[in-house]
PDB file of N, CA and C in Angstrom:
ATOM      1  N   GLY A   1      12.116 -11.633 -22.369  1.00  0.00           N
ATOM      2  CA  GLY A   1      12.349 -12.958 -21.263  1.00  0.00           C
ATOM      3  C   GLY A   1      11.349 -12.703 -19.318  1.00  0.00           C
ATOM      4  N   PRO A   2      13.026 -13.169 -18.684  1.00  0.00           N
ATOM      5  CA  PRO A   2      12.564 -12.148 -17.060  1.00  0.00           C
ATOM      6  C   PRO A   2      12.265 -11.061 -16.449  1.00  0.00           C
ATOM      7  N   THR A   3      13.449 -10.147 -16.777  1.00  0.00           N
ATOM      8  CA  THR A   3      13.426  -8.744 -16.530  1.00  0.00           C
ATOM      9  C   THR A   3      11.980  -8.319 -17.410  1.00  0.00           C
ATOM     10  N   ASP A   4      11.400  -8.730 -18.221  1.00  0.00           N
ATOM     11  CA  ASP A   4      10.039  -8.466 -19.235  1.00  0.00           C
ATOM     12  C   ASP A   4       9.250  -8.122 -18.440  1.00  0.00           C
ATOM     13  N   LEU A   5       9.082  -9.780 -17.518  1.00  0.00           N
ATOM     14  CA  LEU A   5       7.903  -9.757 -15.946  1.00  0.00           C
ATOM     15  C   LEU A   5       7.828  -8.512 -15.199  1.00  0.00           C
ATOM     16  N   GLY A   6       8.923  -7.956 -14.687  1.00  0.00           N
ATOM     17  CA  GLY A   6       8.819  -6.680 -14.050  1.00  0.00           C
ATOM     18  C   GLY A   6       7.919  -5.693 -14.863  1.00  0.00           C
ATOM     19  N   ILE A   7       8.545  -5.521 -15.548  1.00  0.00           N
ATOM     20  CA  ILE A   7       7.996  -4.073 -16.282  1.00  0.00           C
ATOM     21  C   ILE A   7       6.577  -4.410 -16.715  1.00  0.00           C
ATOM     22  N   MET A   8       6.082  -5.498 -16.675  1.00  0.00           N
ATOM     23  CA  MET A   8       4.563  -6.243 -16.716  1.00  0.00           C
ATOM     24  C   MET A   8       3.757  -5.540 -16.109  1.00  0.00           C
ATOM     25  N   HIS A   9       4.105  -6.372 -15.254  1.00  0.00           N
ATOM     26  CA  HIS A   9       3.636  -6.241 -13.425  1.00  0.00           C
ATOM     27  C   HIS A   9       3.824  -4.732 -13.372  1.00  0.00           C
ATOM     28  N   PHE A  10       4.155  -3.961 -13.495  1.00  0.00           N
ATOM     29  CA  PHE A  10       4.386  -2.238 -13.408  1.00  0.00           C
ATOM     30  C   PHE A  10       3.860  -2.020 -13.838  1.00  0.00           C
ATOM     31  N   ARG A  11       3.857  -2.109 -15.133  1.00  0.00           N
ATOM     32  CA  ARG A  11       2.928  -1.064 -16.288  1.00  0.00           C
ATOM     33  C   ARG A  11       1.340  -1.623 -16.247  1.00  0.00           C
ATOM     34  N   LYS A  12       0.664  -2.770 -15.293  1.00  0.00           N
ATOM     35  CA  LYS A  12      -0.444  -3.723 -14.661  1.00  0.00           C
ATOM     36  C   LYS A  12      -0.542  -2.808 -13.993  1.00  0.00           C
ATOM     37  N   LEU A  13       0.435  -2.541 -12.230  1.00  0.00           N
ATOM     38  CA  LEU A  13       0.078  -1.695 -11.563  1.00  0.00           C
ATOM     39  C   LEU A  13      -0.234  -0.701 -11.533  1.00  0.00           C
ATOM     40  N   MET A  14       0.103   0.650 -12.947  1.00  0.00           N
ATOM     41  CA  MET A  14       0.215   1.594 -13.151  1.00  0.00           C
ATOM     42  C   MET A  14      -1.639   2.010 -13.561  1.00  0.00           C
ATOM     43  N   MET A  15      -1.124   0.696 -14.227  1.00  0.00           N
ATOM     44  CA  MET A  15      -2.402   0.980 -15.275  1.00  0.00           C
ATOM     45  C   MET A  15      -4.230   0.874 -14.133  1.00  0.00           C
ATOM     46  N   GLU A  16      -4.389   0.364 -13.432  1.00  0.00           N
ATOM     47  CA  GLU A  16      -4.851   0.051 -12.479  1.00  0.00           C
ATOM     48  C   GLU A  16      -5.112   1.266 -11.763  1.00  0.00           C
ATOM     49  N   ALA A  17      -3.672   1.484 -11.111  1.00  0.00           N
ATOM     50  CA  ALA A  17      -3.791   2.980 -10.327  1.00  0.00           C
ATOM     51  C   ALA A  17      -5.148   4.206 -10.901  1.00  0.00           C
ATOM     52  N   ALA A  18      -4.085   4.070 -12.179  1.00  0.00           N
ATOM     53  CA  ALA A  18      -5.135   5.143 -13.115  1.00  0.00           C
ATOM     54  C   ALA A  18      -6.463   5.261 -13.232  1.00  0.00           C
ATOM     55  N   ARG A  19      -6.612   3.973 -12.988  1.00  0.00           N
ATOM     56  CA  ARG A  19      -7.807   3.210 -13.715  1.00  0.00           C
ATOM     57  C   ARG A  19      -8.862   3.767 -11.795  1.00  0.00           C
ATOM     58  N   ALA A  20      -8.129   3.393 -11.160  1.00  0.00           N
ATOM     59  CA  ALA A  20      -8.662   4.147  -9.776  1.00  0.00           C
ATOM     60  C   ALA A  20      -8.674   5.413  -9.363  1.00  0.00           C
ATOM     61  N   LEU A  21      -7.844   5.635 -10.081  1.00  0.00           N
ATOM     62  CA  LEU A  21      -8.132   6.987  -9.632  1.00  0.00           C
ATOM     63  C   LEU A  21      -8.701   7.573 -10.451  1.00  0.00           C
ATOM     64  N   GLN A  22      -9.004   7.250 -11.265  1.00  0.00           N
ATOM     65  CA  GLN A  22     -10.072   8.076 -12.308  1.00  0.00           C
ATOM     66  C   GLN A  22     -11.469   7.811 -12.100  1.00  0.00           C
ATOM     67  N   ASN A  23     -11.609   6.915 -11.531  1.00  0.00           N
ATOM     68  CA  ASN A  23     -13.264   6.716 -11.146  1.00  0.00           C
ATOM     69  C   ASN A  23     -13.039   7.610  -9.641  1.00  0.00           C
ATOM     70  N   GLY A  24     -12.444   8.610  -9.169  1.00  0.00           N
ATOM     71  CA  GLY A  24     -11.807   8.885  -7.904  1.00  0.00           C
ATOM     72  C   GLY A  24     -11.854   8.112  -6.612  1.00  0.00           C
ATOM     73  N   GLU A  25     -11.031   6.499  -6.577  1.00  0.00           N
ATOM     74  CA  GLU A  25     -10.512   6.175  -5.015  1.00  0.00           C
ATOM     75  C   GLU A  25      -8.528   6.094  -5.013  1.00  0.00           C
ATOM     76  N   ALA A  26      -9.024   6.638  -4.296  1.00  0.00           N
ATOM     77  CA  ALA A  26      -6.861   6.158  -3.852  1.00  0.00           C
ATOM     78  C   ALA A  26      -6.164   5.234  -4.277  1.00  0.00           C
ATOM     79  N   PRO A  27      -5.331   4.716  -5.050  1.00  0.00           N
ATOM     80  CA  PRO A  27      -4.728   3.668  -5.324  1.00  0.00           C
ATOM     81  C   PRO A  27      -4.974   2.500  -4.008  1.00  0.00           C
ATOM     82  N   PRO A  28      -4.762   1.686  -4.245  1.00  0.00           N
ATOM     83  CA  PRO A  28      -4.585   0.512  -2.502  1.00  0.00           C
ATOM     84  C   PRO A  28      -2.913   0.529  -2.585  1.00  0.00           C
ATOM     85  N   HIS A  29      -2.576   0.564  -3.218  1.00  0.00           N
ATOM     86  CA  HIS A  29      -1.114   0.146  -3.178  1.00  0.00           C
ATOM     87  C   HIS A  29      -0.565   1.600  -2.657  1.00  0.00           C
ATOM     88  N   ALA A  30      -0.838   2.674  -2.169  1.00  0.00           N
ATOM     89  CA  ALA A  30      -0.167   4.241  -1.793  1.00  0.00           C
ATOM     90  C   ALA A  30      -0.449   3.843  -0.497  1.00  0.00           C
ATOM     91  N   ALA A  31      -0.932   2.930   0.197  1.00  0.00           N
ATOM     92  CA  ALA A  31      -0.942   2.473   1.901  1.00  0.00           C
ATOM     93  C   ALA A  31      -0.109   1.662   1.989  1.00  0.00           C
ATOM     94  N   HIS A  32       0.829   1.207   1.215  1.00  0.00           N
ATOM     95  CA  HIS A  32       1.449  -0.342   1.796  1.00  0.00           C
ATOM     96  C   HIS A  32       2.461   0.071   0.739  1.00  0.00           C
ATOM     97  N   GLN A  33       3.151   1.484   0.855  1.00  0.00           N
ATOM     98  CA  GLN A  33       4.485   2.094   0.128  1.00  0.00           C
ATOM     99  C   GLN A  33       6.278   0.885   0.354  1.00  0.00           C
ATOM    100  N   ASP A  34       5.830   0.440   1.738  1.00  0.00           N
ATOM    101  CA  ASP A  34       6.689  -0.505   2.086  1.00  0.00           C
ATOM    102  C   ASP A  34       6.999  -1.772   1.125  1.00  0.00           C
ATOM    103  N   ARG A  35       6.000  -2.431   0.655  1.00  0.00           N
ATOM    104  CA  ARG A  35       6.097  -3.876  -0.432  1.00  0.00           C
ATOM    105  C   ARG A  35       6.325  -2.860  -1.733  1.00  0.00           C
ATOM    106  N   TYR A  36       6.542  -2.178  -2.119  1.00  0.00           N
ATOM    107  CA  TYR A  36       7.228  -1.542  -2.561  1.00  0.00           C
ATOM    108  C   TYR A  36       8.676  -1.519  -3.406  1.00  0.00           C
ATOM    109  N   THR A  37       9.677  -1.546  -2.637  1.00  0.00           N
ATOM    110  CA  THR A  37      11.225  -1.390  -2.460  1.00  0.00           C
ATOM    111  C   THR A  37      11.333  -2.179  -3.125  1.00  0.00           C
ATOM    112  N   VAL A  38      12.756  -1.028  -4.363  1.00  0.00           N
ATOM    113  CA  VAL A  38      13.473  -1.833  -5.219  1.00  0.00           C
ATOM    114  C   VAL A  38      14.307  -1.838  -5.171  1.00  0.00           C
ATOM    115  N   ARG A  39      15.187  -2.782  -5.221  1.00  0.00           N
ATOM    116  CA  ARG A  39      16.640  -3.664  -5.044  1.00  0.00           C
ATOM    117  C   ARG A  39      17.084  -4.103  -6.381  1.00  0.00           C
ATOM    118  N   SER A  40      18.020  -3.565  -7.017  1.00  0.00           N
ATOM    119  CA  SER A  40      18.754  -4.223  -7.226  1.00  0.00           C
ATOM    120  C   SER A  40      19.476  -5.839  -7.365  1.00  0.00           C
ATOM    121  N   GLY A  41      19.629  -6.242  -7.744  1.00  0.00           N
ATOM    122  CA  GLY A  41      20.288  -7.836  -7.999  1.00  0.00           C
ATOM    123  C   GLY A  41      21.815  -8.689  -8.803  1.00  0.00           C
ATOM    124  N   ALA A  42      22.696  -9.769  -8.069  1.00  0.00           N
ATOM    125  CA  ALA A  42      23.481 -10.139  -9.362  1.00  0.00           C
ATOM    126  C   ALA A  42      24.210 -11.257  -8.392  1.00  0.00           C
ATOM    127  N   CYS A  43      23.692 -11.946  -9.501  1.00  0.00           N
ATOM    128  CA  CYS A  43      24.088 -13.801  -8.182  1.00  0.00           C
ATOM    129  C   CYS A  43      24.761 -13.987 -10.340  1.00  0.00           C
ATOM    130  N   VAL A  44      26.076 -14.755  -9.251  1.00  0.00           N
ATOM    131  CA  VAL A  44      27.242 -16.184  -9.461  1.00  0.00           C
ATOM    132  C   VAL A  44      26.109 -17.192  -8.984  1.00  0.00           C
ATOM    133  N   THR A  45      26.550 -18.308 -10.557  1.00  0.00           N
ATOM    134  CA  THR A  45      26.069 -19.275  -9.921  1.00  0.00           C
ATOM    135  C   THR A  45      25.432 -20.591 -11.163  1.00  0.00           C
ATOM    136  N   SER A  46      25.207 -21.042 -10.131  1.00  0.00           N
ATOM    137  CA  SER A  46      26.106 -22.967 -11.739  1.00  0.00           C
ATOM    138  C   SER A  46      24.907 -23.157 -12.852  1.00  0.00           C
ATOM    139  N   LYS A  47      25.597 -23.077 -13.555  1.00  0.00           N
ATOM    140  CA  LYS A  47      24.657 -23.347 -15.261  1.00  0.00           C
ATOM    141  C   LYS A  47      23.750 -24.613 -14.914  1.00  0.00           C
ATOM    142  N   ALA A  48      23.545 -25.262 -13.797  1.00  0.00           N
ATOM    143  CA  ALA A  48      22.881 -25.854 -13.908  1.00  0.00           C
ATOM    144  C   ALA A  48      21.479 -25.908 -13.098  1.00  0.00           C
ATOM    145  N   LYS A  49      21.447 -24.504 -11.959  1.00  0.00           N
ATOM    146  CA  LYS A  49      19.861 -23.818 -11.426  1.00  0.00           C
ATOM    147  C   LYS A  49      19.563 -23.207 -12.520  1.00  0.00           C
ATOM    148  N   ASP A  50      18.294 -23.297 -12.726  1.00  0.00           N
ATOM    149  CA  ASP A  50      16.979 -23.246 -13.064  1.00  0.00           C
ATOM    150  C   ASP A  50      16.702 -21.424 -12.408  1.00  0.00           C
ATOM    151  N   LEU A  51      16.051 -20.455 -13.300  1.00  0.00           N
ATOM    152  CA  LEU A  51      15.987 -19.396 -12.346  1.00  0.00           C
ATOM    153  C   LEU A  51      15.341 -19.276 -10.970  1.00  0.00           C
ATOM    154  N   THR A  52      14.315 -20.098 -10.923  1.00  0.00           N
ATOM    155  CA  THR A  52      13.332 -20.257 -10.250  1.00  0.00           C
ATOM    156  C   THR A  52      14.209 -20.289  -8.981  1.00  0.00           C
ATOM    157  N   ALA A  53      15.179 -21.394  -9.212  1.00  0.00           N
ATOM    158  CA  ALA A  53      16.402 -21.684  -7.564  1.00  0.00           C
ATOM    159  C   ALA A  53      16.777 -20.847  -7.388  1.00  0.00           C
ATOM    160  N   VAL A  54      17.153 -19.926  -8.448  1.00  0.00           N
ATOM    161  CA  VAL A  54      18.703 -19.309  -8.183  1.00  0.00           C
ATOM    162  C   VAL A  54      17.383 -17.702  -7.155  1.00  0.00           C
ATOM    163  N   MET A  55      16.706 -17.088  -8.099  1.00  0.00           N
ATOM    164  CA  MET A  55      15.418 -16.569  -7.648  1.00  0.00           C
ATOM    165  C   MET A  55      14.755 -16.726  -6.320  1.00  0.00           C
ATOM    166  N   VAL A  56      15.059 -18.057  -5.413  1.00  0.00           N
ATOM    167  CA  VAL A  56      14.492 -18.225  -4.168  1.00  0.00           C
ATOM    168  C   VAL A  56      15.987 -17.652  -3.427  1.00  0.00           C
ATOM    169  N   GLU A  57      16.904 -18.328  -4.298  1.00  0.00           N
ATOM    170  CA  GLU A  57      18.172 -18.437  -3.274  1.00  0.00           C
ATOM    171  C   GLU A  57      18.508 -17.385  -2.929  1.00  0.00           C
ATOM    172  N   ARG A  58      18.407 -16.221  -3.885  1.00  0.00           N
ATOM    173  CA  ARG A  58      18.707 -15.305  -4.012  1.00  0.00           C
ATOM    174  C   ARG A  58      17.876 -13.522  -3.250  1.00  0.00           C
ATOM    175  N   PHE A  59      16.532 -13.648  -3.047  1.00  0.00           N
ATOM    176  CA  PHE A  59      16.176 -12.670  -2.954  1.00  0.00           C
ATOM    177  C   PHE A  59      15.061 -13.659  -2.137  1.00  0.00           C
ATOM    178  N   GLY A  60      14.813 -15.078  -1.851  1.00  0.00           N
ATOM    179  CA  GLY A  60      13.414 -16.081  -1.028  1.00  0.00           C
ATOM    180  C   GLY A  60      12.404 -15.786  -1.903  1.00  0.00           C
ATOM    181  N   ASP A  61      11.892 -14.862  -3.074  1.00  0.00           N
ATOM    182  CA  ASP A  61      10.454 -15.152  -3.193  1.00  0.00           C
ATOM    183  C   ASP A  61      11.074 -15.697  -4.796  1.00  0.00           C
ATOM    184  N   PRO A  62      10.741 -16.692  -5.751  1.00  0.00           N
ATOM    185  CA  PRO A  62      10.774 -17.332  -6.671  1.00  0.00           C
ATOM    186  C   PRO A  62      10.709 -16.257  -7.949  1.00  0.00           C
ATOM    187  N   ALA A  63       9.522 -15.344  -7.762  1.00  0.00           N
ATOM    188  CA  ALA A  63      10.219 -13.886  -8.440  1.00  0.00           C
ATOM    189  C   ALA A  63      10.607 -12.378  -8.045  1.00  0.00           C
ATOM    190  N   GLY A  64      11.388 -12.858  -7.158  1.00  0.00           N
ATOM    191  CA  GLY A  64      11.908 -11.871  -6.330  1.00  0.00           C
ATOM    192  C   GLY A  64      11.016 -10.631  -5.967  1.00  0.00           C
ATOM    193  N   PHE A  65      10.024 -11.144  -5.858  1.00  0.00           N
ATOM    194  CA  PHE A  65       9.548  -9.786  -4.797  1.00  0.00           C
ATOM    195  C   PHE A  65       9.962  -9.586  -3.064  1.00  0.00           C
ATOM    196  N   VAL A  66      10.358  -8.009  -2.741  1.00  0.00           N
ATOM    197  CA  VAL A  66      10.090  -8.159  -1.541  1.00  0.00           C
ATOM    198  C   VAL A  66       9.121  -8.810  -0.048  1.00  0.00           C
ATOM    199  N   GLY A  67       9.383  -8.840   0.243  1.00  0.00           N
ATOM    200  CA  GLY A  67       8.254 -10.146   1.620  1.00  0.00           C
ATOM    201  C   GLY A  67       7.661 -10.805   0.995  1.00  0.00           C
ATOM    202  N   GLY A  68       7.610 -11.087  -0.423  1.00  0.00           N
ATOM    203  CA  GLY A  68       6.584 -12.203  -0.782  1.00  0.00           C
ATOM    204  C   GLY A  68       5.742 -11.686  -1.899  1.00  0.00           C
ATOM    205  N   PRO A  69       4.761 -12.216  -2.604  1.00  0.00           N
ATOM    206  CA  PRO A  69       3.665 -10.995  -2.952  1.00  0.00           C
ATOM    207  C   PRO A  69       2.262 -11.694  -1.944  1.00  0.00           C
ATOM    208  N   GLY A  70       1.594 -10.343  -1.414  1.00  0.00           N
ATOM    209  CA  GLY A  70       0.325 -11.662  -0.421  1.00  0.00           C
ATOM    210  C   GLY A  70       0.705 -12.007   0.691  1.00  0.00           C
ATOM    211  N   LYS A  71       2.218 -11.785   1.200  1.00  0.00           N
ATOM    212  CA  LYS A  71       1.999 -11.833   2.464  1.00  0.00           C
ATOM    213  C   LYS A  71       1.659 -10.243   3.828  1.00  0.00           C
ATOM    214  N   GLN A  72       1.593 -10.835   4.618  1.00  0.00           N
ATOM    215  CA  GLN A  72       1.407  -9.345   5.485  1.00  0.00           C
ATOM    216  C   GLN A  72       2.443  -9.347   6.358  1.00  0.00           C
ATOM    217  N   THR A  73       2.163  -7.437   6.564  1.00  0.00           N
ATOM    218  CA  THR A  73       3.188  -6.991   7.050  1.00  0.00           C
ATOM    219  C   THR A  73       3.308  -6.632   8.667  1.00  0.00           C
ATOM    220  N   ALA A  74       3.802  -6.652   9.203  1.00  0.00           N
ATOM    221  CA  ALA A  74       4.142  -6.552  10.867  1.00  0.00           C
ATOM    222  C   ALA A  74       3.209  -5.247  10.817  1.00  0.00           C
ATOM    223  N   ALA A  75       3.002  -4.430  10.653  1.00  0.00           N
ATOM    224  CA  ALA A  75       2.615  -2.801  10.232  1.00  0.00           C
ATOM    225  C   ALA A  75       0.975  -3.144  10.346  1.00  0.00           C
ATOM    226  N   GLU A  76       0.307  -4.049  10.071  1.00  0.00           N
ATOM    227  CA  GLU A  76      -0.869  -4.813   9.301  1.00  0.00           C
ATOM    228  C   GLU A  76      -1.064  -5.231  10.792  1.00  0.00           C
TER     229      GLU A  76
END
């Protein structure tokens, strides 16, 4: 289901970071810790709305990313 997507993304992220560390490279995600904020969310909405519409309404991103994927932060 939709919650499995977050788990799959996290596992992929961790495996990539572990492989990079094994090759002596610092994981690039460590430099951007502000992008990986954990937050919970709840929403009561109409059954007429699809999940994408609810996620955009609630979080501002179709997948619920903090700041949206690939968006630059003010610190960069």
